[in-house]
């Protein structure tokens, strides 16, 4: 016969297990907002049609989950199997295994570089992009390395890489957008605006250059470039094209409304941006600081590109 003491202990253990289960992360939502990269056999598809990788921006952000399937992307979205992608934390080890198996695997060098860059290890990212360029000197890789140089605030090398990317592919809209960011960071706003406009001419449905233009028109320290009405229009377009799920674009709309003097709207959209940024401590601090600026009925001023 089980003693009452044992029964009590057993009940206590069962209660602990139940509590642990209730606090466990729901696997159906744990991937939401995660950034993922492809495995070798990865395919992204919409209605059964495979999406060309060149039309996607990596890493892919998980927007929705349906069992083992992830709805991923930014301007262009599609479904991918969870088994066919790796998270940013998993990515370096996965691509390293592929490189150890085949030291000439340019594809693995490229995506390991993407992983390093988005994990903030820019020196390793540049080293991997260097290896990729030795094996395959493509326009996309030059502009990706340029983004890493920009993150290190070496804007001269960044612009040189974007220049080379454009020479190899004059239709590389991403190179124009990224070169615009670098020009903006150097406070060369005229060149930045020209590059963002060219990116839009190449693809009117590309959301990022609309955001880049809106940010300059909303926050530029040089009053000659500021235009709140134009900033709001462009930022709304950026948000529409990205499905209102990109925190930076929503935050840009908030800055645009502040420049236009519509501070209630600025507060509303900055709070929405904060909701989208939950979990990122650094971005949350920046976003909260900006919210306080709008509550004080002041526009935000930046020294370069966001």
C-alpha atoms as a PDB file:
ATOM      1  CA  UNK A   1       0.000   0.000   0.000  1.00  0.00           C
ATOM      2  CA  UNK A   2       1.256   3.458  -0.886  1.00  0.00           C
ATOM      3  CA  UNK A   3       1.557   5.755   2.106  1.00  0.00           C
ATOM      4  CA  UNK A   4      -0.205   9.086   2.211  1.00  0.00           C
ATOM      5  CA  UNK A   5       3.231  10.720   2.272  1.00  0.00           C
ATOM      6  CA  UNK A   6       4.170   9.013  -1.030  1.00  0.00           C
ATOM      7  CA  UNK A   7       0.843   9.981  -2.547  1.00  0.00           C
ATOM      8  CA  UNK A   8       1.468  13.577  -1.555  1.00  0.00           C
ATOM      9  CA  UNK A   9       4.974  13.510  -3.021  1.00  0.00           C
ATOM     10  CA  UNK A  10       3.685  11.974  -6.244  1.00  0.00           C
ATOM     11  CA  UNK A  11       0.993  14.655  -6.521  1.00  0.00           C
ATOM     12  CA  UNK A  12       3.664  17.335  -6.017  1.00  0.00           C
ATOM     13  CA  UNK A  13       5.834  15.870  -8.798  1.00  0.00           C
ATOM     14  CA  UNK A  14       2.867  15.662 -11.180  1.00  0.00           C
ATOM     15  CA  UNK A  15       2.021  19.292 -10.438  1.00  0.00           C
ATOM     16  CA  UNK A  16       5.608  20.349 -11.195  1.00  0.00           C
ATOM     17  CA  UNK A  17       5.589  18.484 -14.527  1.00  0.00           C
ATOM     18  CA  UNK A  18       2.256  20.050 -15.468  1.00  0.00           C
ATOM     19  CA  UNK A  19       3.557  23.513 -14.620  1.00  0.00           C
ATOM     20  CA  UNK A  20       6.698  22.945 -16.669  1.00  0.00           C
ATOM     21  CA  UNK A  21       4.625  21.843 -19.633  1.00  0.00           C
ATOM     22  CA  UNK A  22       2.371  24.877 -19.355  1.00  0.00           C
ATOM     23  CA  UNK A  23       5.420  27.166 -19.408  1.00  0.00           C
ATOM     24  CA  UNK A  24       7.159  25.329 -22.247  1.00  0.00           C
ATOM     25  CA  UNK A  25       7.520  27.206 -25.542  1.00  0.00           C
ATOM     26  CA  UNK A  26       4.847  26.228 -28.029  1.00  0.00           C
ATOM     27  CA  UNK A  27       6.765  24.726 -30.982  1.00  0.00           C
ATOM     28  CA  UNK A  28       4.207  26.202 -33.380  1.00  0.00           C
ATOM     29  CA  UNK A  29       5.184  29.739 -32.329  1.00  0.00           C
ATOM     30  CA  UNK A  30       8.821  29.315 -31.267  1.00  0.00           C
ATOM     31  CA  UNK A  31      10.009  29.911 -34.851  1.00  0.00           C
ATOM     32  CA  UNK A  32       8.015  33.113 -35.383  1.00  0.00           C
ATOM     33  CA  UNK A  33      10.371  36.012 -36.084  1.00  0.00           C
ATOM     34  CA  UNK A  34      13.401  33.719 -36.316  1.00  0.00           C
ATOM     35  CA  UNK A  35      15.921  34.282 -39.090  1.00  0.00           C
ATOM     36  CA  UNK A  36      16.747  31.156 -41.068  1.00  0.00           C
ATOM     37  CA  UNK A  37      19.103  30.140 -43.875  1.00  0.00           C
ATOM     38  CA  UNK A  38      18.786  27.333 -46.428  1.00  0.00           C
ATOM     39  CA  UNK A  39      20.143  23.831 -46.354  1.00  0.00           C
ATOM     40  CA  UNK A  40      21.453  22.314 -49.570  1.00  0.00           C
ATOM     41  CA  UNK A  41      18.096  20.769 -50.509  1.00  0.00           C
ATOM     42  CA  UNK A  42      16.055  23.850 -49.610  1.00  0.00           C
ATOM     43  CA  UNK A  43      13.178  25.019 -51.806  1.00  0.00           C
ATOM     44  CA  UNK A  44      10.864  27.949 -51.134  1.00  0.00           C
ATOM     45  CA  UNK A  45       7.543  27.750 -52.952  1.00  0.00           C
ATOM     46  CA  UNK A  46       4.235  29.561 -53.403  1.00  0.00           C
ATOM     47  CA  UNK A  47       1.208  27.526 -54.530  1.00  0.00           C
ATOM     48  CA  UNK A  48       3.537  24.721 -55.565  1.00  0.00           C
ATOM     49  CA  UNK A  49       5.767  26.986 -57.681  1.00  0.00           C
ATOM     50  CA  UNK A  50       9.410  27.150 -56.571  1.00  0.00           C
ATOM     51  CA  UNK A  51      10.662  30.696 -55.909  1.00  0.00           C
ATOM     52  CA  UNK A  52      13.988  31.744 -57.448  1.00  0.00           C
ATOM     53  CA  UNK A  53      16.533  32.245 -54.645  1.00  0.00           C
ATOM     54  CA  UNK A  54      17.768  35.433 -56.339  1.00  0.00           C
ATOM     55  CA  UNK A  55      14.418  37.092 -55.625  1.00  0.00           C
ATOM     56  CA  UNK A  56      14.718  36.445 -51.877  1.00  0.00           C
ATOM     57  CA  UNK A  57      16.505  38.415 -49.176  1.00  0.00           C
ATOM     58  CA  UNK A  58      18.572  36.311 -46.765  1.00  0.00           C
ATOM     59  CA  UNK A  59      18.303  35.441 -43.996  1.00  0.00           C
ATOM     60  CA  UNK A  60      14.638  34.592 -44.358  1.00  0.00           C
ATOM     61  CA  UNK A  61      12.391  35.823 -41.549  1.00  0.00           C
ATOM     62  CA  UNK A  62       9.696  33.397 -40.355  1.00  0.00           C
ATOM     63  CA  UNK A  63       6.328  35.167 -40.669  1.00  0.00           C
ATOM     64  CA  UNK A  64       3.987  32.255 -39.945  1.00  0.00           C
ATOM     65  CA  UNK A  65       4.046  28.567 -39.002  1.00  0.00           C
ATOM     66  CA  UNK A  66       1.785  25.753 -40.229  1.00  0.00           C
ATOM     67  CA  UNK A  67       2.909  22.460 -38.697  1.00  0.00           C
ATOM     68  CA  UNK A  68       6.312  21.616 -40.246  1.00  0.00           C
ATOM     69  CA  UNK A  69       6.009  24.457 -42.771  1.00  0.00           C
ATOM     70  CA  UNK A  70       7.326  27.986 -42.355  1.00  0.00           C
ATOM     71  CA  UNK A  71       6.043  31.055 -44.207  1.00  0.00           C
ATOM     72  CA  UNK A  72       9.224  33.060 -44.788  1.00  0.00           C
ATOM     73  CA  UNK A  73      10.504  36.133 -46.560  1.00  0.00           C
ATOM     74  CA  UNK A  74      10.242  39.915 -46.775  1.00  0.00           C
ATOM     75  CA  UNK A  75       8.959  41.528 -49.976  1.00  0.00           C
ATOM     76  CA  UNK A  76       8.831  38.079 -51.581  1.00  0.00           C
ATOM     77  CA  UNK A  77       7.490  35.256 -49.400  1.00  0.00           C
ATOM     78  CA  UNK A  78       6.950  31.516 -49.646  1.00  0.00           C
ATOM     79  CA  UNK A  79       6.650  28.225 -47.760  1.00  0.00           C
ATOM     80  CA  UNK A  80       9.655  26.148 -46.722  1.00  0.00           C
ATOM     81  CA  UNK A  81      10.022  22.970 -44.697  1.00  0.00           C
ATOM     82  CA  UNK A  82      11.543  23.460 -41.230  1.00  0.00           C
ATOM     83  CA  UNK A  83      13.810  20.491 -42.023  1.00  0.00           C
ATOM     84  CA  UNK A  84      15.273  22.368 -44.980  1.00  0.00           C
ATOM     85  CA  UNK A  85      16.525  25.448 -43.100  1.00  0.00           C
ATOM     86  CA  UNK A  86      18.851  26.267 -40.220  1.00  0.00           C
ATOM     87  CA  UNK A  87      18.606  29.091 -37.705  1.00  0.00           C
ATOM     88  CA  UNK A  88      21.386  31.671 -37.427  1.00  0.00           C
ATOM     89  CA  UNK A  89      22.675  29.821 -34.359  1.00  0.00           C
ATOM     90  CA  UNK A  90      22.777  26.508 -36.238  1.00  0.00           C
ATOM     91  CA  UNK A  91      24.097  27.919 -39.517  1.00  0.00           C
ATOM     92  CA  UNK A  92      27.904  28.259 -38.984  1.00  0.00           C
ATOM     93  CA  UNK A  93      28.303  24.633 -37.889  1.00  0.00           C
ATOM     94  CA  UNK A  94      26.115  23.372 -40.745  1.00  0.00           C
ATOM     95  CA  UNK A  95      27.985  25.276 -43.478  1.00  0.00           C
ATOM     96  CA  UNK A  96      31.365  24.437 -41.910  1.00  0.00           C
ATOM     97  CA  UNK A  97      30.540  20.733 -42.286  1.00  0.00           C
ATOM     98  CA  UNK A  98      29.818  21.311 -45.974  1.00  0.00           C
ATOM     99  CA  UNK A  99      33.073  23.248 -46.454  1.00  0.00           C
ATOM    100  CA  UNK A 100      35.098  20.545 -44.663  1.00  0.00           C
ATOM    101  CA  UNK A 101      33.556  18.035 -47.049  1.00  0.00           C
ATOM    102  CA  UNK A 102      34.287  20.232 -50.085  1.00  0.00           C
ATOM    103  CA  UNK A 103      36.661  23.232 -49.609  1.00  0.00           C
ATOM    104  CA  UNK A 104      35.510  24.634 -52.971  1.00  0.00           C
ATOM    105  CA  UNK A 105      31.852  24.841 -51.974  1.00  0.00           C
ATOM    106  CA  UNK A 106      31.233  28.509 -52.855  1.00  0.00           C
ATOM    107  CA  UNK A 107      27.549  28.223 -51.896  1.00  0.00           C
ATOM    108  CA  UNK A 108      28.448  27.206 -48.334  1.00  0.00           C
ATOM    109  CA  UNK A 109      31.034  29.994 -47.980  1.00  0.00           C
ATOM    110  CA  UNK A 110      28.408  32.503 -49.087  1.00  0.00           C
ATOM    111  CA  UNK A 111      25.731  31.450 -46.613  1.00  0.00           C
ATOM    112  CA  UNK A 112      28.190  31.019 -43.763  1.00  0.00           C
ATOM    113  CA  UNK A 113      29.231  34.615 -44.447  1.00  0.00           C
ATOM    114  CA  UNK A 114      25.577  35.686 -44.309  1.00  0.00           C
ATOM    115  CA  UNK A 115      25.262  33.918 -40.959  1.00  0.00           C
ATOM    116  CA  UNK A 116      28.387  35.581 -39.538  1.00  0.00           C
ATOM    117  CA  UNK A 117      27.246  39.000 -40.757  1.00  0.00           C
ATOM    118  CA  UNK A 118      23.831  38.739 -39.139  1.00  0.00           C
ATOM    119  CA  UNK A 119      25.409  37.432 -35.934  1.00  0.00           C
ATOM    120  CA  UNK A 120      27.597  40.557 -35.849  1.00  0.00           C
ATOM    121  CA  UNK A 121      30.905  38.827 -36.657  1.00  0.00           C
ATOM    122  CA  UNK A 122      31.837  41.021 -39.611  1.00  0.00           C
ATOM    123  CA  UNK A 123      35.505  40.001 -39.873  1.00  0.00           C
ATOM    124  CA  UNK A 124      34.568  36.346 -40.309  1.00  0.00           C
ATOM    125  CA  UNK A 125      31.862  37.350 -42.767  1.00  0.00           C
ATOM    126  CA  UNK A 126      34.362  39.293 -44.886  1.00  0.00           C
ATOM    127  CA  UNK A 127      36.827  36.386 -44.774  1.00  0.00           C
ATOM    128  CA  UNK A 128      34.150  34.022 -46.079  1.00  0.00           C
ATOM    129  CA  UNK A 129      33.036  36.478 -48.752  1.00  0.00           C
ATOM    130  CA  UNK A 130      36.699  36.693 -49.830  1.00  0.00           C
ATOM    131  CA  UNK A 131      36.772  32.910 -50.292  1.00  0.00           C
ATOM    132  CA  UNK A 132      33.478  33.010 -52.175  1.00  0.00           C
ATOM    133  CA  UNK A 133      34.816  35.714 -54.505  1.00  0.00           C
ATOM    134  CA  UNK A 134      37.927  33.638 -55.266  1.00  0.00           C
ATOM    135  CA  UNK A 135      35.670  30.786 -56.345  1.00  0.00           C
ATOM    136  CA  UNK A 136      32.774  32.780 -57.837  1.00  0.00           C
ATOM    137  CA  UNK A 137      33.239  36.560 -58.297  1.00  0.00           C
ATOM    138  CA  UNK A 138      29.553  37.508 -58.539  1.00  0.00           C
ATOM    139  CA  UNK A 139      27.762  40.836 -58.275  1.00  0.00           C
ATOM    140  CA  UNK A 140      25.679  39.632 -55.323  1.00  0.00           C
ATOM    141  CA  UNK A 141      28.746  38.622 -53.324  1.00  0.00           C
ATOM    142  CA  UNK A 142      30.455  41.967 -53.877  1.00  0.00           C
ATOM    143  CA  UNK A 143      27.452  43.857 -52.555  1.00  0.00           C
ATOM    144  CA  UNK A 144      27.102  41.453 -49.619  1.00  0.00           C
ATOM    145  CA  UNK A 145      30.727  42.063 -48.687  1.00  0.00           C
ATOM    146  CA  UNK A 146      30.060  45.773 -49.083  1.00  0.00           C
ATOM    147  CA  UNK A 147      27.318  45.534 -46.454  1.00  0.00           C
ATOM    148  CA  UNK A 148      29.804  43.902 -44.076  1.00  0.00           C
ATOM    149  CA  UNK A 149      32.307  46.718 -44.705  1.00  0.00           C
ATOM    150  CA  UNK A 150      29.545  49.249 -44.004  1.00  0.00           C
ATOM    151  CA  UNK A 151      28.793  47.514 -40.695  1.00  0.00           C
ATOM    152  CA  UNK A 152      32.468  48.085 -39.809  1.00  0.00           C
ATOM    153  CA  UNK A 153      31.975  51.753 -40.815  1.00  0.00           C
ATOM    154  CA  UNK A 154      34.501  51.440 -43.638  1.00  0.00           C
ATOM    155  CA  UNK A 155      32.273  53.212 -46.135  1.00  0.00           C
ATOM    156  CA  UNK A 156      34.980  53.661 -48.761  1.00  0.00           C
ATOM    157  CA  UNK A 157      35.462  49.893 -49.107  1.00  0.00           C
ATOM    158  CA  UNK A 158      31.710  49.391 -48.958  1.00  0.00           C
ATOM    159  CA  UNK A 159      31.081  51.778 -51.843  1.00  0.00           C
ATOM    160  CA  UNK A 160      33.943  50.244 -53.854  1.00  0.00           C
ATOM    161  CA  UNK A 161      32.342  46.800 -53.489  1.00  0.00           C
ATOM    162  CA  UNK A 162      28.908  48.121 -54.497  1.00  0.00           C
ATOM    163  CA  UNK A 163      30.489  49.872 -57.490  1.00  0.00           C
ATOM    164  CA  UNK A 164      31.997  46.557 -58.595  1.00  0.00           C
ATOM    165  CA  UNK A 165      28.670  44.797 -58.046  1.00  0.00           C
ATOM    166  CA  UNK A 166      26.958  47.321 -60.333  1.00  0.00           C
ATOM    167  CA  UNK A 167      29.690  47.007 -62.979  1.00  0.00           C
ATOM    168  CA  UNK A 168      29.110  43.242 -63.048  1.00  0.00           C
ATOM    169  CA  UNK A 169      25.316  43.631 -63.030  1.00  0.00           C
ATOM    170  CA  UNK A 170      23.871  47.079 -63.835  1.00  0.00           C
ATOM    171  CA  UNK A 171      20.414  45.778 -62.832  1.00  0.00           C
ATOM    172  CA  UNK A 172      21.449  44.816 -59.286  1.00  0.00           C
ATOM    173  CA  UNK A 173      18.818  46.784 -57.358  1.00  0.00           C
ATOM    174  CA  UNK A 174      20.201  45.589 -54.001  1.00  0.00           C
ATOM    175  CA  UNK A 175      23.641  46.996 -54.838  1.00  0.00           C
ATOM    176  CA  UNK A 176      22.096  50.389 -55.578  1.00  0.00           C
ATOM    177  CA  UNK A 177      20.133  50.293 -52.325  1.00  0.00           C
ATOM    178  CA  UNK A 178      23.170  49.309 -50.259  1.00  0.00           C
ATOM    179  CA  UNK A 179      25.384  51.888 -51.960  1.00  0.00           C
ATOM    180  CA  UNK A 180      22.700  54.427 -51.111  1.00  0.00           C
ATOM    181  CA  UNK A 181      22.972  53.419 -47.455  1.00  0.00           C
ATOM    182  CA  UNK A 182      26.739  53.892 -47.551  1.00  0.00           C
ATOM    183  CA  UNK A 183      26.435  57.315 -49.199  1.00  0.00           C
ATOM    184  CA  UNK A 184      23.874  58.269 -46.565  1.00  0.00           C
ATOM    185  CA  UNK A 185      26.211  57.174 -43.793  1.00  0.00           C
ATOM    186  CA  UNK A 186      28.858  59.464 -45.316  1.00  0.00           C
ATOM    187  CA  UNK A 187      26.249  62.280 -45.348  1.00  0.00           C
ATOM    188  CA  UNK A 188      26.304  62.428 -49.140  1.00  0.00           C
ATOM    189  CA  UNK A 189      22.523  62.615 -49.312  1.00  0.00           C
ATOM    190  CA  UNK A 190      22.288  63.624 -52.970  1.00  0.00           C
ATOM    191  CA  UNK A 191      24.067  60.430 -54.060  1.00  0.00           C
ATOM    192  CA  UNK A 192      22.069  58.365 -51.570  1.00  0.00           C
ATOM    193  CA  UNK A 193      18.765  59.647 -52.968  1.00  0.00           C
ATOM    194  CA  UNK A 194      19.928  58.982 -56.528  1.00  0.00           C
ATOM    195  CA  UNK A 195      20.836  55.376 -55.676  1.00  0.00           C
ATOM    196  CA  UNK A 196      17.551  54.720 -53.861  1.00  0.00           C
ATOM    197  CA  UNK A 197      15.590  56.107 -56.807  1.00  0.00           C
ATOM    198  CA  UNK A 198      17.542  53.932 -59.239  1.00  0.00           C
ATOM    199  CA  UNK A 199      16.774  50.852 -57.120  1.00  0.00           C
ATOM    200  CA  UNK A 200      13.074  51.732 -57.316  1.00  0.00           C
ATOM    201  CA  UNK A 201      13.282  52.230 -61.095  1.00  0.00           C
ATOM    202  CA  UNK A 202      14.763  48.755 -61.395  1.00  0.00           C
ATOM    203  CA  UNK A 203      12.018  47.251 -59.202  1.00  0.00           C
ATOM    204  CA  UNK A 204       9.043  49.423 -58.153  1.00  0.00           C
ATOM    205  CA  UNK A 205       7.964  46.677 -55.722  1.00  0.00           C
ATOM    206  CA  UNK A 206      11.260  46.624 -53.788  1.00  0.00           C
ATOM    207  CA  UNK A 207      10.383  48.014 -50.357  1.00  0.00           C
ATOM    208  CA  UNK A 208      13.816  48.874 -48.940  1.00  0.00           C
ATOM    209  CA  UNK A 209      14.716  51.900 -51.112  1.00  0.00           C
ATOM    210  CA  UNK A 210      11.330  53.490 -50.302  1.00  0.00           C
ATOM    211  CA  UNK A 211      12.314  53.168 -46.648  1.00  0.00           C
ATOM    212  CA  UNK A 212      15.774  54.600 -47.393  1.00  0.00           C
ATOM    213  CA  UNK A 213      14.300  57.658 -49.088  1.00  0.00           C
ATOM    214  CA  UNK A 214      11.698  58.147 -46.363  1.00  0.00           C
ATOM    215  CA  UNK A 215      14.383  58.009 -43.673  1.00  0.00           C
ATOM    216  CA  UNK A 216      16.382  60.802 -45.327  1.00  0.00           C
ATOM    217  CA  UNK A 217      13.311  62.988 -45.921  1.00  0.00           C
ATOM    218  CA  UNK A 218      12.180  62.439 -42.313  1.00  0.00           C
ATOM    219  CA  UNK A 219      15.372  62.584 -40.261  1.00  0.00           C
ATOM    220  CA  UNK A 220      18.172  64.213 -42.272  1.00  0.00           C
ATOM    221  CA  UNK A 221      20.125  66.744 -40.186  1.00  0.00           C
ATOM    222  CA  UNK A 222      20.285  68.953 -43.278  1.00  0.00           C
ATOM    223  CA  UNK A 223      16.922  70.741 -43.482  1.00  0.00           C
ATOM    224  CA  UNK A 224      17.303  71.151 -47.246  1.00  0.00           C
ATOM    225  CA  UNK A 225      16.565  67.426 -47.656  1.00  0.00           C
ATOM    226  CA  UNK A 226      13.664  67.099 -45.212  1.00  0.00           C
ATOM    227  CA  UNK A 227      10.090  66.749 -46.483  1.00  0.00           C
ATOM    228  CA  UNK A 228       7.601  65.223 -44.045  1.00  0.00           C
ATOM    229  CA  UNK A 229       4.778  64.782 -46.562  1.00  0.00           C
ATOM    230  CA  UNK A 230       7.014  62.964 -49.018  1.00  0.00           C
ATOM    231  CA  UNK A 231       8.514  60.884 -46.191  1.00  0.00           C
ATOM    232  CA  UNK A 232       5.076  59.687 -45.034  1.00  0.00           C
ATOM    233  CA  UNK A 233       4.053  58.687 -48.563  1.00  0.00           C
ATOM    234  CA  UNK A 234       7.258  56.740 -49.176  1.00  0.00           C
ATOM    235  CA  UNK A 235       7.258  55.076 -45.749  1.00  0.00           C
ATOM    236  CA  UNK A 236       3.657  53.919 -46.170  1.00  0.00           C
ATOM    237  CA  UNK A 237       4.633  52.373 -49.507  1.00  0.00           C
ATOM    238  CA  UNK A 238       7.575  50.590 -47.848  1.00  0.00           C
ATOM    239  CA  UNK A 239       5.281  49.217 -45.135  1.00  0.00           C
ATOM    240  CA  UNK A 240       2.644  48.107 -47.648  1.00  0.00           C
ATOM    241  CA  UNK A 241       5.194  46.255 -49.776  1.00  0.00           C
ATOM    242  CA  UNK A 242       6.642  44.450 -46.727  1.00  0.00           C
ATOM    243  CA  UNK A 243       3.220  43.549 -45.299  1.00  0.00           C
ATOM    244  CA  UNK A 244       3.525  45.847 -42.253  1.00  0.00           C
ATOM    245  CA  UNK A 245       5.737  43.236 -40.560  1.00  0.00           C
ATOM    246  CA  UNK A 246       9.130  44.993 -40.810  1.00  0.00           C
ATOM    247  CA  UNK A 247       9.892  46.912 -37.614  1.00  0.00           C
ATOM    248  CA  UNK A 248      12.447  49.240 -39.240  1.00  0.00           C
ATOM    249  CA  UNK A 249      10.008  50.282 -41.967  1.00  0.00           C
ATOM    250  CA  UNK A 250       7.202  50.882 -39.459  1.00  0.00           C
ATOM    251  CA  UNK A 251       9.647  52.861 -37.304  1.00  0.00           C
ATOM    252  CA  UNK A 252      10.565  54.927 -40.367  1.00  0.00           C
ATOM    253  CA  UNK A 253       6.869  55.723 -40.856  1.00  0.00           C
ATOM    254  CA  UNK A 254       6.759  56.936 -37.253  1.00  0.00           C
ATOM    255  CA  UNK A 255       9.737  59.229 -37.931  1.00  0.00           C
ATOM    256  CA  UNK A 256       8.024  60.484 -41.080  1.00  0.00           C
ATOM    257  CA  UNK A 257       4.841  61.384 -39.201  1.00  0.00           C
ATOM    258  CA  UNK A 258       6.938  63.173 -36.570  1.00  0.00           C
ATOM    259  CA  UNK A 259       8.647  65.242 -39.250  1.00  0.00           C
ATOM    260  CA  UNK A 260       5.187  66.061 -40.637  1.00  0.00           C
ATOM    261  CA  UNK A 261       4.121  67.219 -37.160  1.00  0.00           C
ATOM    262  CA  UNK A 262       1.616  64.365 -36.665  1.00  0.00           C
ATOM    263  CA  UNK A 263       2.920  63.179 -33.313  1.00  0.00           C
ATOM    264  CA  UNK A 264      -0.063  60.991 -32.363  1.00  0.00           C
ATOM    265  CA  UNK A 265       0.528  58.986 -35.533  1.00  0.00           C
ATOM    266  CA  UNK A 266       4.262  58.956 -34.815  1.00  0.00           C
ATOM    267  CA  UNK A 267       3.644  57.506 -31.345  1.00  0.00           C
ATOM    268  CA  UNK A 268       1.161  54.951 -32.692  1.00  0.00           C
ATOM    269  CA  UNK A 269       3.553  53.566 -35.292  1.00  0.00           C
ATOM    270  CA  UNK A 270       6.598  53.702 -33.053  1.00  0.00           C
ATOM    271  CA  UNK A 271       4.694  51.601 -30.511  1.00  0.00           C
ATOM    272  CA  UNK A 272       3.803  49.177 -33.312  1.00  0.00           C
ATOM    273  CA  UNK A 273       7.486  49.007 -34.294  1.00  0.00           C
ATOM    274  CA  UNK A 274       8.387  48.254 -30.671  1.00  0.00           C
ATOM    275  CA  UNK A 275       5.879  45.387 -30.637  1.00  0.00           C
ATOM    276  CA  UNK A 276       7.545  43.990 -33.763  1.00  0.00           C
ATOM    277  CA  UNK A 277      11.027  44.319 -32.210  1.00  0.00           C
ATOM    278  CA  UNK A 278      10.231  42.488 -28.957  1.00  0.00           C
ATOM    279  CA  UNK A 279      13.136  40.250 -27.956  1.00  0.00           C
ATOM    280  CA  UNK A 280      15.939  42.428 -29.363  1.00  0.00           C
ATOM    281  CA  UNK A 281      17.292  44.343 -26.351  1.00  0.00           C
ATOM    282  CA  UNK A 282      19.519  46.744 -28.330  1.00  0.00           C
ATOM    283  CA  UNK A 283      16.849  47.671 -30.854  1.00  0.00           C
ATOM    284  CA  UNK A 284      14.248  47.980 -28.104  1.00  0.00           C
ATOM    285  CA  UNK A 285      16.372  50.557 -26.261  1.00  0.00           C
ATOM    286  CA  UNK A 286      16.789  52.632 -29.431  1.00  0.00           C
ATOM    287  CA  UNK A 287      13.113  52.329 -30.256  1.00  0.00           C
ATOM    288  CA  UNK A 288      12.028  53.331 -26.747  1.00  0.00           C
ATOM    289  CA  UNK A 289      14.322  56.366 -26.793  1.00  0.00           C
ATOM    290  CA  UNK A 290      12.821  57.487 -30.080  1.00  0.00           C
ATOM    291  CA  UNK A 291       9.301  57.021 -28.709  1.00  0.00           C
ATOM    292  CA  UNK A 292      10.099  59.464 -25.910  1.00  0.00           C
ATOM    293  CA  UNK A 293      11.238  62.018 -28.489  1.00  0.00           C
ATOM    294  CA  UNK A 294       7.829  61.802 -30.190  1.00  0.00           C
ATOM    295  CA  UNK A 295       6.006  62.034 -26.858  1.00  0.00           C
ATOM    296  CA  UNK A 296       7.887  65.288 -26.318  1.00  0.00           C
ATOM    297  CA  UNK A 297       6.460  66.398 -29.707  1.00  0.00           C
ATOM    298  CA  UNK A 298       9.848  66.565 -31.371  1.00  0.00           C
ATOM    299  CA  UNK A 299      10.978  65.044 -34.687  1.00  0.00           C
ATOM    300  CA  UNK A 300      13.912  62.657 -34.740  1.00  0.00           C
ATOM    301  CA  UNK A 301      17.248  63.664 -36.240  1.00  0.00           C
ATOM    302  CA  UNK A 302      19.858  61.198 -37.413  1.00  0.00           C
ATOM    303  CA  UNK A 303      23.464  61.704 -38.493  1.00  0.00           C
ATOM    304  CA  UNK A 304      23.239  59.111 -41.269  1.00  0.00           C
ATOM    305  CA  UNK A 305      21.229  56.149 -42.456  1.00  0.00           C
ATOM    306  CA  UNK A 306      19.276  53.951 -40.036  1.00  0.00           C
END
